[in-house]
Amino acid sequence: MENKMRKTLTYIEETLGIQPTVTQIAKSHLDRLPMYIHETFRLYRTDIFNTEIILAELKNDNELSIQQTKKQVQQIKNLLNQKVVIVLENVQAYNRKRLIEKGINFIVPGKQLYMPDLLLDLQESFVHPKTKQKKETLLPSAQFLLIYHIIHRNQQWKLEEYPFKEIAQKLGYTPMAITNAIDNLKYHELVEVEGEKEKFIHFRNDRHELWNIAYQQNLLVNPVIKTVYVDEKPKDLFLLRCNASALPEYTDLNPSRQEYFAIEKTVFYGLQKSNALVNPNNYEGRYALEVWKYNPLTLVDELPNDRAVVDPLSLYLSVKDSRDERIEMALEQILEKFIW
């Protein structure tokens, strides 16, 4: 497997919360394809949300032709009867725009996942490889670990006391995702890794210092991918309140009329795919669903949480850019109470 495909699988795991595997396509199927497709792509088969797809890794990104790619994708779909996703290492802005205009599924690992066939569109900031600096933000999974460590200071189960594998089992991540998250924290000099056969994490600073360092270096990200309004709450699903619905539980702010709930991204996309959301839109509805990059329920697991609200630090990051003076005052109260 090429390094580009390994990065692609890691990116899918980080953004969608699943652990995809790829397999080679049977020779009998490959023989159906014209030689120029073999010369242009490396083809793999995988599964995303119970949908089989072909990952078509472009061998040379510099040879990307949108019109030609569209025809080749259609050929692969017709001959193999599978949805096709193009894998690119880098893509120019104008080509990215044209791929979207043409409705072509594509992935740029670490930057964008656009799959209209699966109703998925996730985008990170595009940075030229030569300008990539250490001031990148934390991975969502790395931020999850950092906040978990800070807010669980009085709990018996502590991250520093367990090896990577047990951390993954406890927090609902794959071992690969936890390893990547800890590597990311180590890269930003927030943790050290100890041990050989079994590795353990050690945070380099006190909890309040960790927060201040990460915040001042702009490493922390808004956990919310997007907000979707619906007319009914998803049935048989426990959700934590967030945004203006959670702030009154931590601060003196009065409740808002709009009800906000946090939902983890894989759960949301599963509901979206099965058409289980009632009148989903970007503008208005009785309930506002914030789609989160990590699981808000797992983050507050074992904490006293009778009020059913998201953790205070993720809440802070989700609304810190608000220009509402009342919210700004509420955020100051959160820092005073929870950053110690």
C-alpha atoms as a PDB file:
ATOM      1  CA  MET A   1       0.000   0.000   0.000  1.00  0.00           C
ATOM      2  CA  GLU A   2       1.340   3.434  -0.955  1.00  0.00           C
ATOM      3  CA  ASN A   3       2.020   6.081   1.715  1.00  0.00           C
ATOM      4  CA  LYS A   4      -0.679   8.327   0.219  1.00  0.00           C
ATOM      5  CA  MET A   5      -3.284   5.617   0.814  1.00  0.00           C
ATOM      6  CA  ARG A   6      -2.146   5.149   4.431  1.00  0.00           C
ATOM      7  CA  LYS A   7      -2.615   8.897   4.985  1.00  0.00           C
ATOM      8  CA  THR A   8      -6.034   8.638   3.376  1.00  0.00           C
ATOM      9  CA  LEU A   9      -7.157   5.864   5.726  1.00  0.00           C
ATOM     10  CA  THR A  10      -5.886   7.807   8.739  1.00  0.00           C
ATOM     11  CA  TYR A  11      -7.742  10.925   7.559  1.00  0.00           C
ATOM     12  CA  ILE A  12     -10.999   9.003   7.049  1.00  0.00           C
ATOM     13  CA  GLU A  13     -10.615   7.549  10.531  1.00  0.00           C
ATOM     14  CA  GLU A  14     -10.002  10.967  12.092  1.00  0.00           C
ATOM     15  CA  THR A  15     -12.825  12.762  10.293  1.00  0.00           C
ATOM     16  CA  LEU A  16     -15.517  10.068  10.216  1.00  0.00           C
ATOM     17  CA  GLY A  17     -14.624   8.074  13.329  1.00  0.00           C
ATOM     18  CA  ILE A  18     -14.470   4.739  11.491  1.00  0.00           C
ATOM     19  CA  GLN A  19     -11.533   2.429  10.801  1.00  0.00           C
ATOM     20  CA  PRO A  20     -11.612   1.606   7.107  1.00  0.00           C
ATOM     21  CA  THR A  21      -9.577  -1.169   5.544  1.00  0.00           C
ATOM     22  CA  VAL A  22      -8.648  -1.494   1.891  1.00  0.00           C
ATOM     23  CA  THR A  23      -8.346  -4.595  -0.233  1.00  0.00           C
ATOM     24  CA  GLN A  24      -7.000  -5.216  -3.671  1.00  0.00           C
ATOM     25  CA  ILE A  25      -9.543  -5.451  -6.461  1.00  0.00           C
ATOM     26  CA  ALA A  26      -9.836  -8.871  -8.031  1.00  0.00           C
ATOM     27  CA  LYS A  27      -7.783  -9.282 -11.197  1.00  0.00           C
ATOM     28  CA  SER A  28     -10.873 -10.436 -13.073  1.00  0.00           C
ATOM     29  CA  HIS A  29     -12.463  -7.054 -12.326  1.00  0.00           C
ATOM     30  CA  LEU A  30      -9.336  -5.061 -13.093  1.00  0.00           C
ATOM     31  CA  ASP A  31      -9.062  -6.737 -16.482  1.00  0.00           C
ATOM     32  CA  ARG A  32     -12.322  -5.048 -17.460  1.00  0.00           C
ATOM     33  CA  LEU A  33     -10.657  -1.641 -17.290  1.00  0.00           C
ATOM     34  CA  PRO A  34      -8.712  -0.046 -20.144  1.00  0.00           C
ATOM     35  CA  MET A  35      -4.938   0.178 -19.821  1.00  0.00           C
ATOM     36  CA  TYR A  36      -4.883   3.988 -19.535  1.00  0.00           C
ATOM     37  CA  ILE A  37      -6.926   3.772 -16.314  1.00  0.00           C
ATOM     38  CA  HIS A  38      -4.330   1.397 -14.816  1.00  0.00           C
ATOM     39  CA  GLU A  39      -1.637   3.860 -15.850  1.00  0.00           C
ATOM     40  CA  THR A  40      -3.474   6.779 -14.230  1.00  0.00           C
ATOM     41  CA  PHE A  41      -4.784   5.296 -10.951  1.00  0.00           C
ATOM     42  CA  ARG A  42      -4.026   2.793  -8.225  1.00  0.00           C
ATOM     43  CA  LEU A  43      -7.373   1.244  -7.323  1.00  0.00           C
ATOM     44  CA  TYR A  44      -8.471  -0.083  -3.929  1.00  0.00           C
ATOM     45  CA  ARG A  45     -11.779  -1.287  -2.541  1.00  0.00           C
ATOM     46  CA  THR A  46     -13.072  -0.145   0.874  1.00  0.00           C
ATOM     47  CA  ASP A  47     -16.301   0.324   2.817  1.00  0.00           C
ATOM     48  CA  ILE A  48     -17.662   3.574   4.312  1.00  0.00           C
ATOM     49  CA  PHE A  49     -20.902   3.508   6.296  1.00  0.00           C
ATOM     50  CA  ASN A  50     -21.836   0.133   4.779  1.00  0.00           C
ATOM     51  CA  THR A  51     -21.321   1.420   1.248  1.00  0.00           C
ATOM     52  CA  GLU A  52     -18.671  -0.209  -0.923  1.00  0.00           C
ATOM     53  CA  ILE A  53     -16.526   2.289  -2.799  1.00  0.00           C
ATOM     54  CA  ILE A  54     -13.466   2.326  -5.028  1.00  0.00           C
ATOM     55  CA  LEU A  55     -10.607   4.571  -3.910  1.00  0.00           C
ATOM     56  CA  ALA A  56      -8.859   5.712  -7.082  1.00  0.00           C
ATOM     57  CA  GLU A  57      -5.475   7.104  -6.101  1.00  0.00           C
ATOM     58  CA  LEU A  58      -4.145   9.418  -8.803  1.00  0.00           C
ATOM     59  CA  LYS A  59      -0.532   8.452  -9.465  1.00  0.00           C
ATOM     60  CA  ASN A  60       0.507  11.948 -10.548  1.00  0.00           C
ATOM     61  CA  ASP A  61      -1.450  14.923  -9.181  1.00  0.00           C
ATOM     62  CA  ASN A  62       0.173  17.201 -11.744  1.00  0.00           C
ATOM     63  CA  GLU A  63      -1.641  15.341 -14.513  1.00  0.00           C
ATOM     64  CA  LEU A  64      -5.115  16.032 -13.114  1.00  0.00           C
ATOM     65  CA  SER A  65      -7.553  16.893 -15.896  1.00  0.00           C
ATOM     66  CA  ILE A  66     -11.090  17.448 -14.612  1.00  0.00           C
ATOM     67  CA  GLN A  67     -12.855  16.583 -17.842  1.00  0.00           C
ATOM     68  CA  GLN A  68     -10.758  13.471 -18.377  1.00  0.00           C
ATOM     69  CA  THR A  69     -11.116  12.442 -14.726  1.00  0.00           C
ATOM     70  CA  LYS A  70     -14.895  12.730 -14.921  1.00  0.00           C
ATOM     71  CA  LYS A  71     -14.959  10.383 -17.929  1.00  0.00           C
ATOM     72  CA  GLN A  72     -12.583   7.903 -16.265  1.00  0.00           C
ATOM     73  CA  VAL A  73     -14.579   7.904 -13.025  1.00  0.00           C
ATOM     74  CA  GLN A  74     -17.737   7.157 -15.011  1.00  0.00           C
ATOM     75  CA  GLN A  75     -15.969   4.299 -16.800  1.00  0.00           C
ATOM     76  CA  ILE A  76     -14.835   2.747 -13.519  1.00  0.00           C
ATOM     77  CA  LYS A  77     -18.351   3.110 -12.060  1.00  0.00           C
ATOM     78  CA  ASN A  78     -19.939   1.506 -15.105  1.00  0.00           C
ATOM     79  CA  LEU A  79     -17.484  -1.373 -15.387  1.00  0.00           C
ATOM     80  CA  LEU A  80     -17.119  -2.218 -11.675  1.00  0.00           C
ATOM     81  CA  ASN A  81     -20.583  -1.077 -10.542  1.00  0.00           C
ATOM     82  CA  GLN A  82     -19.158   0.805  -7.535  1.00  0.00           C
ATOM     83  CA  LYS A  83     -19.063   4.409  -6.336  1.00  0.00           C
ATOM     84  CA  VAL A  84     -15.639   5.975  -7.002  1.00  0.00           C
ATOM     85  CA  VAL A  85     -13.650   8.430  -4.867  1.00  0.00           C
ATOM     86  CA  ILE A  86     -10.545  10.118  -6.300  1.00  0.00           C
ATOM     87  CA  VAL A  87      -7.588  10.382  -3.882  1.00  0.00           C
ATOM     88  CA  LEU A  88      -5.295  13.393  -4.370  1.00  0.00           C
ATOM     89  CA  GLU A  89      -2.277  14.499  -2.364  1.00  0.00           C
ATOM     90  CA  ASN A  90      -2.607  18.157  -3.362  1.00  0.00           C
ATOM     91  CA  VAL A  91      -5.052  20.048  -5.537  1.00  0.00           C
ATOM     92  CA  GLN A  92      -5.076  23.620  -6.782  1.00  0.00           C
ATOM     93  CA  ALA A  93      -8.007  25.805  -5.687  1.00  0.00           C
ATOM     94  CA  TYR A  94      -9.433  26.116  -9.207  1.00  0.00           C
ATOM     95  CA  ASN A  95      -9.310  22.334  -9.729  1.00  0.00           C
ATOM     96  CA  ARG A  96     -10.903  21.738  -6.336  1.00  0.00           C
ATOM     97  CA  LYS A  97     -13.740  24.071  -7.314  1.00  0.00           C
ATOM     98  CA  ARG A  98     -14.244  22.291 -10.631  1.00  0.00           C
ATOM     99  CA  LEU A  99     -14.248  18.850  -8.968  1.00  0.00           C
ATOM    100  CA  ILE A 100     -17.061  20.066  -6.726  1.00  0.00           C
ATOM    101  CA  GLU A 101     -18.935  21.635  -9.653  1.00  0.00           C
ATOM    102  CA  LYS A 102     -18.744  18.322 -11.528  1.00  0.00           C
ATOM    103  CA  GLY A 103     -19.933  16.368  -8.460  1.00  0.00           C
ATOM    104  CA  ILE A 104     -16.803  14.184  -8.404  1.00  0.00           C
ATOM    105  CA  ASN A 105     -16.118  12.428  -5.084  1.00  0.00           C
ATOM    106  CA  PHE A 106     -12.603  13.191  -3.850  1.00  0.00           C
ATOM    107  CA  ILE A 107     -10.342  13.128  -0.798  1.00  0.00           C
ATOM    108  CA  VAL A 108      -7.285  15.266  -0.106  1.00  0.00           C
ATOM    109  CA  PRO A 109      -5.876  13.675   3.099  1.00  0.00           C
ATOM    110  CA  GLY A 110      -5.691  16.175   5.940  1.00  0.00           C
ATOM    111  CA  LYS A 111      -7.564  18.844   3.988  1.00  0.00           C
ATOM    112  CA  GLN A 112     -10.892  17.848   2.479  1.00  0.00           C
ATOM    113  CA  LEU A 113     -13.290  14.975   2.106  1.00  0.00           C
ATOM    114  CA  TYR A 114     -16.004  15.608  -0.486  1.00  0.00           C
ATOM    115  CA  MET A 115     -18.347  12.713  -1.217  1.00  0.00           C
ATOM    116  CA  PRO A 116     -21.719  13.917  -2.500  1.00  0.00           C
ATOM    117  CA  ASP A 117     -22.652  10.281  -3.213  1.00  0.00           C
ATOM    118  CA  LEU A 118     -22.521   9.705   0.567  1.00  0.00           C
ATOM    119  CA  LEU A 119     -23.768  13.188   1.561  1.00  0.00           C
ATOM    120  CA  LEU A 120     -20.372  14.052   3.075  1.00  0.00           C
ATOM    121  CA  ASP A 121     -18.516  17.350   2.782  1.00  0.00           C
ATOM    122  CA  LEU A 122     -15.789  18.041   5.351  1.00  0.00           C
ATOM    123  CA  GLN A 123     -13.131  20.659   4.755  1.00  0.00           C
ATOM    124  CA  GLU A 124     -10.066  21.840   6.643  1.00  0.00           C
ATOM    125  CA  SER A 125      -7.980  24.897   5.761  1.00  0.00           C
ATOM    126  CA  PHE A 126      -5.796  24.521   2.674  1.00  0.00           C
ATOM    127  CA  VAL A 127      -2.153  25.360   3.269  1.00  0.00           C
ATOM    128  CA  HIS A 128       0.629  25.202   0.724  1.00  0.00           C
ATOM    129  CA  PRO A 129       3.040  22.398   1.755  1.00  0.00           C
ATOM    130  CA  LYS A 130       6.015  24.787   1.860  1.00  0.00           C
ATOM    131  CA  THR A 131       4.266  27.075   4.352  1.00  0.00           C
ATOM    132  CA  LYS A 132       3.195  24.307   6.732  1.00  0.00           C
ATOM    133  CA  GLN A 133       4.382  25.349  10.183  1.00  0.00           C
ATOM    134  CA  LYS A 134       4.189  24.021  13.717  1.00  0.00           C
ATOM    135  CA  LYS A 135       1.324  26.396  14.512  1.00  0.00           C
ATOM    136  CA  GLU A 136      -1.172  23.871  13.135  1.00  0.00           C
ATOM    137  CA  THR A 137      -4.097  23.194  15.420  1.00  0.00           C
ATOM    138  CA  LEU A 138      -4.532  19.987  17.374  1.00  0.00           C
ATOM    139  CA  LEU A 139      -6.259  17.016  15.818  1.00  0.00           C
ATOM    140  CA  PRO A 140      -9.807  16.707  17.188  1.00  0.00           C
ATOM    141  CA  SER A 141      -8.817  13.433  18.869  1.00  0.00           C
ATOM    142  CA  ALA A 142      -5.763  15.110  20.448  1.00  0.00           C
ATOM    143  CA  GLN A 143      -7.913  17.968  21.736  1.00  0.00           C
ATOM    144  CA  PHE A 144     -10.341  15.374  23.118  1.00  0.00           C
ATOM    145  CA  LEU A 145      -7.514  13.773  25.146  1.00  0.00           C
ATOM    146  CA  LEU A 146      -6.270  17.130  26.401  1.00  0.00           C
ATOM    147  CA  ILE A 147      -9.707  18.256  27.582  1.00  0.00           C
ATOM    148  CA  TYR A 148     -10.470  14.818  29.036  1.00  0.00           C
ATOM    149  CA  HIS A 149      -7.289  15.029  31.113  1.00  0.00           C
ATOM    150  CA  ILE A 150      -8.120  18.527  32.353  1.00  0.00           C
ATOM    151  CA  ILE A 151     -11.754  17.995  33.337  1.00  0.00           C
ATOM    152  CA  HIS A 152     -11.322  14.517  34.879  1.00  0.00           C
ATOM    153  CA  ARG A 153      -8.838  15.647  37.498  1.00  0.00           C
ATOM    154  CA  ASN A 154     -10.884  14.198  40.376  1.00  0.00           C
ATOM    155  CA  GLN A 155     -11.861  10.916  38.729  1.00  0.00           C
ATOM    156  CA  GLN A 156     -10.206   7.593  39.520  1.00  0.00           C
ATOM    157  CA  TRP A 157      -9.583   6.678  35.874  1.00  0.00           C
ATOM    158  CA  LYS A 158      -6.708   8.836  34.602  1.00  0.00           C
ATOM    159  CA  LEU A 159      -5.127   8.855  31.150  1.00  0.00           C
ATOM    160  CA  GLU A 160      -1.567   8.816  32.481  1.00  0.00           C
ATOM    161  CA  GLU A 161      -2.082   5.518  34.297  1.00  0.00           C
ATOM    162  CA  TYR A 162      -3.057   3.380  31.288  1.00  0.00           C
ATOM    163  CA  PRO A 163      -1.298   2.221  28.084  1.00  0.00           C
ATOM    164  CA  PHE A 164      -2.434   3.424  24.670  1.00  0.00           C
ATOM    165  CA  LYS A 165      -4.523   0.309  23.926  1.00  0.00           C
ATOM    166  CA  GLU A 166      -6.586   0.647  27.110  1.00  0.00           C
ATOM    167  CA  ILE A 167      -7.085   4.367  26.488  1.00  0.00           C
ATOM    168  CA  ALA A 168      -8.492   3.517  23.052  1.00  0.00           C
ATOM    169  CA  GLN A 169     -10.869   0.914  24.507  1.00  0.00           C
ATOM    170  CA  LYS A 170     -12.033   3.238  27.271  1.00  0.00           C
ATOM    171  CA  LEU A 171     -12.670   6.267  25.053  1.00  0.00           C
ATOM    172  CA  GLY A 172     -14.120   4.579  21.977  1.00  0.00           C
ATOM    173  CA  TYR A 173     -11.225   5.269  19.606  1.00  0.00           C
ATOM    174  CA  THR A 174      -9.195   2.820  17.570  1.00  0.00           C
ATOM    175  CA  PRO A 175      -5.586   2.182  18.678  1.00  0.00           C
ATOM    176  CA  MET A 176      -4.385   3.917  15.496  1.00  0.00           C
ATOM    177  CA  ALA A 177      -6.422   7.037  16.282  1.00  0.00           C
ATOM    178  CA  ILE A 178      -5.074   7.210  19.843  1.00  0.00           C
ATOM    179  CA  THR A 179      -1.503   6.770  18.616  1.00  0.00           C
ATOM    180  CA  ASN A 180      -1.988   9.578  16.088  1.00  0.00           C
ATOM    181  CA  ALA A 181      -3.583  11.818  18.735  1.00  0.00           C
ATOM    182  CA  ILE A 182      -0.732  11.298  21.187  1.00  0.00           C
ATOM    183  CA  ASP A 183       1.853  11.840  18.436  1.00  0.00           C
ATOM    184  CA  ASN A 184       0.091  15.137  17.724  1.00  0.00           C
ATOM    185  CA  LEU A 185       0.226  16.176  21.392  1.00  0.00           C
ATOM    186  CA  LYS A 186       3.881  15.183  21.510  1.00  0.00           C
ATOM    187  CA  TYR A 187       4.603  17.179  18.352  1.00  0.00           C
ATOM    188  CA  HIS A 188       3.227  20.266  20.100  1.00  0.00           C
ATOM    189  CA  GLU A 189       5.294  19.493  23.209  1.00  0.00           C
ATOM    190  CA  LEU A 190       2.270  19.005  25.445  1.00  0.00           C
ATOM    191  CA  VAL A 191       3.088  15.410  26.417  1.00  0.00           C
ATOM    192  CA  GLU A 192       5.932  12.943  26.709  1.00  0.00           C
ATOM    193  CA  VAL A 193       5.671   9.234  25.950  1.00  0.00           C
ATOM    194  CA  GLU A 194       7.208   6.705  28.333  1.00  0.00           C
ATOM    195  CA  GLY A 195       7.709   2.943  28.130  1.00  0.00           C
ATOM    196  CA  GLU A 196       8.738   0.527  25.413  1.00  0.00           C
ATOM    197  CA  LYS A 197       6.469  -2.495  25.016  1.00  0.00           C
ATOM    198  CA  GLU A 198       3.551  -0.711  26.656  1.00  0.00           C
ATOM    199  CA  LYS A 199       3.618   3.050  26.162  1.00  0.00           C
ATOM    200  CA  PHE A 200       2.171   5.597  28.555  1.00  0.00           C
ATOM    201  CA  ILE A 201       1.381   9.283  28.163  1.00  0.00           C
ATOM    202  CA  HIS A 202       2.691  11.950  30.548  1.00  0.00           C
ATOM    203  CA  PHE A 203       1.464  15.539  30.346  1.00  0.00           C
ATOM    204  CA  ARG A 204       4.301  18.032  30.693  1.00  0.00           C
ATOM    205  CA  ASN A 205       2.446  20.731  32.643  1.00  0.00           C
ATOM    206  CA  ASP A 206      -0.248  21.224  35.242  1.00  0.00           C
ATOM    207  CA  ARG A 207      -3.790  21.231  33.921  1.00  0.00           C
ATOM    208  CA  HIS A 208      -4.336  24.987  33.947  1.00  0.00           C
ATOM    209  CA  GLU A 209      -0.924  25.499  32.299  1.00  0.00           C
ATOM    210  CA  LEU A 210      -1.790  22.970  29.580  1.00  0.00           C
ATOM    211  CA  TRP A 211      -4.952  24.876  28.741  1.00  0.00           C
ATOM    212  CA  ASN A 212      -3.195  28.240  28.725  1.00  0.00           C
ATOM    213  CA  ILE A 213      -0.333  26.983  26.547  1.00  0.00           C
ATOM    214  CA  ALA A 214      -2.663  25.338  24.026  1.00  0.00           C
ATOM    215  CA  TYR A 215      -5.026  28.320  23.975  1.00  0.00           C
ATOM    216  CA  GLN A 216      -2.324  30.986  23.653  1.00  0.00           C
ATOM    217  CA  GLN A 217      -0.682  29.064  20.798  1.00  0.00           C
ATOM    218  CA  ASN A 218      -4.034  28.809  18.979  1.00  0.00           C
ATOM    219  CA  LEU A 219      -3.865  25.017  19.018  1.00  0.00           C
ATOM    220  CA  LEU A 220      -7.469  24.514  20.160  1.00  0.00           C
ATOM    221  CA  VAL A 221     -10.261  24.229  17.604  1.00  0.00           C
ATOM    222  CA  ASN A 222     -13.984  24.760  17.632  1.00  0.00           C
ATOM    223  CA  PRO A 223     -15.411  21.243  18.146  1.00  0.00           C
ATOM    224  CA  VAL A 224     -18.451  22.092  15.998  1.00  0.00           C
ATOM    225  CA  ILE A 225     -18.319  21.175  12.306  1.00  0.00           C
ATOM    226  CA  LYS A 226     -21.672  22.743  11.486  1.00  0.00           C
ATOM    227  CA  THR A 227     -25.139  23.408  12.889  1.00  0.00           C
ATOM    228  CA  VAL A 228     -28.220  21.809  11.349  1.00  0.00           C
ATOM    229  CA  TYR A 229     -31.775  22.786  12.322  1.00  0.00           C
ATOM    230  CA  VAL A 230     -34.536  20.179  12.579  1.00  0.00           C
ATOM    231  CA  ASP A 231     -38.203  20.188  13.558  1.00  0.00           C
ATOM    232  CA  GLU A 232     -37.940  17.101  15.793  1.00  0.00           C
ATOM    233  CA  LYS A 233     -35.219  15.646  18.001  1.00  0.00           C
ATOM    234  CA  PRO A 234     -33.860  12.320  16.732  1.00  0.00           C
ATOM    235  CA  LYS A 235     -35.835   9.519  18.385  1.00  0.00           C
ATOM    236  CA  ASP A 236     -34.333   7.138  20.962  1.00  0.00           C
ATOM    237  CA  LEU A 237     -31.113   9.157  21.092  1.00  0.00           C
ATOM    238  CA  PHE A 238     -29.689  10.765  24.231  1.00  0.00           C
ATOM    239  CA  LEU A 239     -28.120  14.136  23.431  1.00  0.00           C
ATOM    240  CA  LEU A 240     -26.328  16.676  25.595  1.00  0.00           C
ATOM    241  CA  ARG A 241     -27.364  20.307  25.532  1.00  0.00           C
ATOM    242  CA  CYS A 242     -24.789  22.736  24.166  1.00  0.00           C
ATOM    243  CA  ASN A 243     -24.283  26.351  23.079  1.00  0.00           C
ATOM    244  CA  ALA A 244     -26.801  28.777  24.628  1.00  0.00           C
ATOM    245  CA  SER A 245     -28.739  25.830  26.082  1.00  0.00           C
ATOM    246  CA  ALA A 246     -25.720  24.728  28.144  1.00  0.00           C
ATOM    247  CA  LEU A 247     -24.256  28.097  29.159  1.00  0.00           C
ATOM    248  CA  PRO A 248     -26.922  28.738  31.866  1.00  0.00           C
ATOM    249  CA  GLU A 249     -25.794  25.551  33.646  1.00  0.00           C
ATOM    250  CA  TYR A 250     -22.241  26.874  34.032  1.00  0.00           C
ATOM    251  CA  THR A 251     -22.844  30.628  34.211  1.00  0.00           C
ATOM    252  CA  ASP A 252     -25.379  33.332  35.106  1.00  0.00           C
ATOM    253  CA  LEU A 253     -26.655  33.539  31.525  1.00  0.00           C
ATOM    254  CA  ASN A 254     -30.415  33.101  31.051  1.00  0.00           C
ATOM    255  CA  PRO A 255     -31.686  30.223  28.865  1.00  0.00           C
ATOM    256  CA  SER A 256     -32.277  30.905  25.169  1.00  0.00           C
ATOM    257  CA  ARG A 257     -35.443  30.154  23.226  1.00  0.00           C
ATOM    258  CA  GLN A 258     -33.535  28.094  20.692  1.00  0.00           C
ATOM    259  CA  GLU A 259     -32.692  24.610  21.982  1.00  0.00           C
ATOM    260  CA  TYR A 260     -29.205  23.359  21.103  1.00  0.00           C
ATOM    261  CA  PHE A 261     -27.960  19.775  21.247  1.00  0.00           C
ATOM    262  CA  ALA A 262     -24.547  18.278  20.435  1.00  0.00           C
ATOM    263  CA  ILE A 263     -24.312  15.185  18.245  1.00  0.00           C
ATOM    264  CA  GLU A 264     -21.175  13.273  17.274  1.00  0.00           C
ATOM    265  CA  LYS A 265     -20.423  13.390  13.557  1.00  0.00           C
ATOM    266  CA  THR A 266     -20.738   9.664  12.749  1.00  0.00           C
ATOM    267  CA  VAL A 267     -24.096   9.507  14.532  1.00  0.00           C
ATOM    268  CA  PHE A 268     -25.313  12.562  12.623  1.00  0.00           C
ATOM    269  CA  TYR A 269     -24.189  11.301   9.216  1.00  0.00           C
ATOM    270  CA  GLY A 270     -25.807   7.940   9.952  1.00  0.00           C
ATOM    271  CA  LEU A 271     -29.122   9.690  10.679  1.00  0.00           C
ATOM    272  CA  GLN A 272     -28.695  11.854   7.602  1.00  0.00           C
ATOM    273  CA  LYS A 273     -28.034   8.882   5.369  1.00  0.00           C
ATOM    274  CA  SER A 274     -31.089   6.993   6.678  1.00  0.00           C
ATOM    275  CA  ASN A 275     -33.312  10.097   6.256  1.00  0.00           C
ATOM    276  CA  ALA A 276     -34.126  10.047   9.979  1.00  0.00           C
ATOM    277  CA  LEU A 277     -33.919  13.843  10.384  1.00  0.00           C
ATOM    278  CA  VAL A 278     -37.139  15.862  10.116  1.00  0.00           C
ATOM    279  CA  ASN A 279     -36.766  18.858   7.794  1.00  0.00           C
ATOM    280  CA  PRO A 280     -32.986  19.348   8.193  1.00  0.00           C
ATOM    281  CA  ASN A 281     -31.800  22.783   7.010  1.00  0.00           C
ATOM    282  CA  ASN A 282     -29.206  25.462   7.708  1.00  0.00           C
ATOM    283  CA  TYR A 283     -31.519  28.238   8.858  1.00  0.00           C
ATOM    284  CA  GLU A 284     -34.254  27.458  11.355  1.00  0.00           C
ATOM    285  CA  GLY A 285     -36.033  24.742  13.286  1.00  0.00           C
ATOM    286  CA  ARG A 286     -37.271  23.870  16.733  1.00  0.00           C
ATOM    287  CA  TYR A 287     -33.977  22.200  17.566  1.00  0.00           C
ATOM    288  CA  ALA A 288     -30.419  23.063  16.543  1.00  0.00           C
ATOM    289  CA  LEU A 289     -28.069  20.093  16.208  1.00  0.00           C
ATOM    290  CA  GLU A 290     -24.383  20.942  16.504  1.00  0.00           C
ATOM    291  CA  VAL A 291     -22.363  18.291  14.671  1.00  0.00           C
ATOM    292  CA  TRP A 292     -19.225  17.674  16.755  1.00  0.00           C
ATOM    293  CA  LYS A 293     -15.785  16.489  15.671  1.00  0.00           C
ATOM    294  CA  TYR A 294     -15.482  14.260  18.744  1.00  0.00           C
ATOM    295  CA  ASN A 295     -17.965  12.503  20.999  1.00  0.00           C
ATOM    296  CA  PRO A 296     -19.347  14.926  23.626  1.00  0.00           C
ATOM    297  CA  LEU A 297     -20.931  12.048  25.571  1.00  0.00           C
ATOM    298  CA  THR A 298     -17.683  10.129  26.042  1.00  0.00           C
ATOM    299  CA  LEU A 299     -15.906  13.295  27.117  1.00  0.00           C
ATOM    300  CA  VAL A 300     -18.157  13.748  30.156  1.00  0.00           C
ATOM    301  CA  ASP A 301     -18.455  10.044  30.948  1.00  0.00           C
ATOM    302  CA  GLU A 302     -18.218   9.374  34.711  1.00  0.00           C
ATOM    303  CA  LEU A 303     -18.527  13.070  35.554  1.00  0.00           C
ATOM    304  CA  PRO A 304     -21.481  14.296  37.647  1.00  0.00           C
ATOM    305  CA  ASN A 305     -23.718  15.538  34.837  1.00  0.00           C
ATOM    306  CA  ASP A 306     -27.337  15.495  35.979  1.00  0.00           C
ATOM    307  CA  ARG A 307     -27.962  18.562  33.863  1.00  0.00           C
ATOM    308  CA  ALA A 308     -27.080  16.707  30.632  1.00  0.00           C
ATOM    309  CA  VAL A 309     -24.784  19.365  29.163  1.00  0.00           C
ATOM    310  CA  VAL A 310     -21.511  19.232  27.249  1.00  0.00           C
ATOM    311  CA  ASP A 311     -18.215  19.790  29.046  1.00  0.00           C
ATOM    312  CA  PRO A 312     -17.397  23.420  29.902  1.00  0.00           C
ATOM    313  CA  LEU A 313     -14.137  23.677  27.948  1.00  0.00           C
ATOM    314  CA  SER A 314     -15.519  22.397  24.647  1.00  0.00           C
ATOM    315  CA  LEU A 315     -18.511  24.653  25.259  1.00  0.00           C
ATOM    316  CA  TYR A 316     -16.121  27.575  25.695  1.00  0.00           C
ATOM    317  CA  LEU A 317     -14.361  26.788  22.404  1.00  0.00           C
ATOM    318  CA  SER A 318     -17.656  26.399  20.551  1.00  0.00           C
ATOM    319  CA  VAL A 319     -18.927  29.909  21.388  1.00  0.00           C
ATOM    320  CA  LYS A 320     -15.766  31.915  22.118  1.00  0.00           C
ATOM    321  CA  ASP A 321     -16.011  33.861  18.857  1.00  0.00           C
ATOM    322  CA  SER A 322     -19.461  35.215  19.696  1.00  0.00           C
ATOM    323  CA  ARG A 323     -19.787  39.003  19.691  1.00  0.00           C
ATOM    324  CA  ASP A 324     -22.621  38.903  22.207  1.00  0.00           C
ATOM    325  CA  GLU A 325     -21.457  40.719  25.365  1.00  0.00           C
ATOM    326  CA  ARG A 326     -23.558  38.445  27.582  1.00  0.00           C
ATOM    327  CA  ILE A 327     -21.837  35.364  26.178  1.00  0.00           C
ATOM    328  CA  GLU A 328     -18.420  36.987  26.550  1.00  0.00           C
ATOM    329  CA  MET A 329     -19.136  37.564  30.261  1.00  0.00           C
ATOM    330  CA  ALA A 330     -20.358  33.986  30.605  1.00  0.00           C
ATOM    331  CA  LEU A 331     -17.137  32.689  29.059  1.00  0.00           C
ATOM    332  CA  GLU A 332     -15.092  34.563  31.644  1.00  0.00           C
ATOM    333  CA  GLN A 333     -17.073  32.766  34.347  1.00  0.00           C
ATOM    334  CA  ILE A 334     -16.279  29.395  32.763  1.00  0.00           C
ATOM    335  CA  LEU A 335     -12.539  30.092  32.823  1.00  0.00           C
ATOM    336  CA  GLU A 336     -12.689  31.248  36.430  1.00  0.00           C
ATOM    337  CA  LYS A 337     -14.522  28.074  37.500  1.00  0.00           C
ATOM    338  CA  PHE A 338     -12.864  25.387  35.433  1.00  0.00           C
ATOM    339  CA  ILE A 339      -9.309  26.483  34.579  1.00  0.00           C
ATOM    340  CA  TRP A 340      -7.487  26.016  37.853  1.00  0.00           C
END
